[in-house]
Amino acid sequence: MNQPLVRIGWAVFIFSLLYHGWVGLRSVFMDYAKPLWVRFLVGTISTLAFLGMSIWTILILFNIS
């Protein structure tokens, strides 16, 4: 983990995984959450959660304190 290319590889993998999860959840919410306000609320919460996980990943991988 001390080599920059390894960290970048892990970052690409984790961001791809997070993006895949976000797209999957968004599809489920759009299919099954019928009221618009519920869809918006759940979508906003999940987007903020995935954004937080992305920031957390950057902090961990690149030792930013």
C-alpha atoms as a PDB file:
ATOM      1  CA  MET A   1       0.000   0.000   0.000  1.00  0.00           C
ATOM      2  CA  ASN A   2       2.994   2.329   0.122  1.00  0.00           C
ATOM      3  CA  GLN A   3       3.262   2.570  -3.659  1.00  0.00           C
ATOM      4  CA  PRO A   4       1.141   5.260  -5.361  1.00  0.00           C
ATOM      5  CA  LEU A   5       0.016   2.980  -8.196  1.00  0.00           C
ATOM      6  CA  VAL A   6      -1.367   0.455  -5.716  1.00  0.00           C
ATOM      7  CA  ARG A   7      -3.328   3.177  -3.943  1.00  0.00           C
ATOM      8  CA  ILE A   8      -4.672   4.483  -7.242  1.00  0.00           C
ATOM      9  CA  GLY A   9      -5.677   0.953  -8.246  1.00  0.00           C
ATOM     10  CA  TRP A  10      -7.520   0.459  -4.967  1.00  0.00           C
ATOM     11  CA  ALA A  11      -9.189   3.861  -5.352  1.00  0.00           C
ATOM     12  CA  VAL A  12     -10.408   2.994  -8.857  1.00  0.00           C
ATOM     13  CA  PHE A  13     -11.720  -0.358  -7.610  1.00  0.00           C
ATOM     14  CA  ILE A  14     -13.538   1.103  -4.608  1.00  0.00           C
ATOM     15  CA  PHE A  15     -15.015   4.012  -6.574  1.00  0.00           C
ATOM     16  CA  SER A  16     -16.208   1.575  -9.245  1.00  0.00           C
ATOM     17  CA  LEU A  17     -17.795  -0.565  -6.546  1.00  0.00           C
ATOM     18  CA  LEU A  18     -19.484   2.459  -4.956  1.00  0.00           C
ATOM     19  CA  TYR A  19     -20.735   3.698  -8.315  1.00  0.00           C
ATOM     20  CA  HIS A  20     -22.121   0.267  -9.146  1.00  0.00           C
ATOM     21  CA  GLY A  21     -23.919   0.164  -5.794  1.00  0.00           C
ATOM     22  CA  TRP A  22     -25.329   3.652  -6.271  1.00  0.00           C
ATOM     23  CA  VAL A  23     -26.659   2.868  -9.750  1.00  0.00           C
ATOM     24  CA  GLY A  24     -28.215  -0.369  -8.497  1.00  0.00           C
ATOM     25  CA  LEU A  25     -29.935   1.273  -5.538  1.00  0.00           C
ATOM     26  CA  ARG A  26     -31.102   4.154  -7.701  1.00  0.00           C
ATOM     27  CA  SER A  27     -32.724   1.681 -10.091  1.00  0.00           C
ATOM     28  CA  VAL A  28     -34.467  -0.108  -7.227  1.00  0.00           C
ATOM     29  CA  PHE A  29     -35.728   3.181  -5.788  1.00  0.00           C
ATOM     30  CA  MET A  30     -36.998   4.356  -9.171  1.00  0.00           C
ATOM     31  CA  ASP A  31     -38.839   1.067  -9.707  1.00  0.00           C
ATOM     32  CA  TYR A  32     -40.354   0.532  -6.264  1.00  0.00           C
ATOM     33  CA  ALA A  33     -40.649   3.922  -4.532  1.00  0.00           C
ATOM     34  CA  LYS A  34     -43.780   5.282  -6.158  1.00  0.00           C
ATOM     35  CA  PRO A  35     -44.434   8.624  -4.416  1.00  0.00           C
ATOM     36  CA  LEU A  36     -42.072  11.235  -5.820  1.00  0.00           C
ATOM     37  CA  TRP A  37     -41.157  12.658  -2.409  1.00  0.00           C
ATOM     38  CA  VAL A  38     -40.156   9.201  -1.103  1.00  0.00           C
ATOM     39  CA  ARG A  39     -38.057   8.563  -4.205  1.00  0.00           C
ATOM     40  CA  PHE A  40     -36.377  11.953  -3.848  1.00  0.00           C
ATOM     41  CA  LEU A  41     -35.753  11.528  -0.112  1.00  0.00           C
ATOM     42  CA  VAL A  42     -34.316   8.018  -0.354  1.00  0.00           C
ATOM     43  CA  GLY A  43     -32.284   8.935  -3.417  1.00  0.00           C
ATOM     44  CA  THR A  44     -30.829  11.991  -1.706  1.00  0.00           C
ATOM     45  CA  ILE A  45     -29.958  10.051   1.436  1.00  0.00           C
ATOM     46  CA  SER A  46     -28.288   7.256  -0.528  1.00  0.00           C
ATOM     47  CA  THR A  47     -26.379   9.749  -2.696  1.00  0.00           C
ATOM     48  CA  LEU A  48     -25.070  11.541   0.385  1.00  0.00           C
ATOM     49  CA  ALA A  49     -24.110   8.198   1.954  1.00  0.00           C
ATOM     50  CA  PHE A  50     -22.166   7.120  -1.137  1.00  0.00           C
ATOM     51  CA  LEU A  51     -20.518  10.536  -1.345  1.00  0.00           C
ATOM     52  CA  GLY A  52     -19.479  10.182   2.297  1.00  0.00           C
ATOM     53  CA  MET A  53     -18.057   6.730   1.621  1.00  0.00           C
ATOM     54  CA  SER A  54     -16.092   8.135  -1.330  1.00  0.00           C
ATOM     55  CA  ILE A  55     -14.605  10.890   0.802  1.00  0.00           C
ATOM     56  CA  TRP A  56     -13.808   8.367   3.523  1.00  0.00           C
ATOM     57  CA  THR A  57     -12.027   6.204   0.934  1.00  0.00           C
ATOM     58  CA  ILE A  58      -9.869   9.129  -0.180  1.00  0.00           C
ATOM     59  CA  LEU A  59      -8.984   9.946   3.422  1.00  0.00           C
ATOM     60  CA  ILE A  60      -7.976   6.360   4.189  1.00  0.00           C
ATOM     61  CA  LEU A  61      -6.061   5.581   0.989  1.00  0.00           C
ATOM     62  CA  PHE A  62      -4.081   8.787   0.821  1.00  0.00           C
ATOM     63  CA  ASN A  63      -3.531   9.259   4.586  1.00  0.00           C
ATOM     64  CA  ILE A  64      -5.216  12.653   4.746  1.00  0.00           C
ATOM     65  CA  SER A  65      -5.949  13.675   8.319  1.00  0.00           C
END
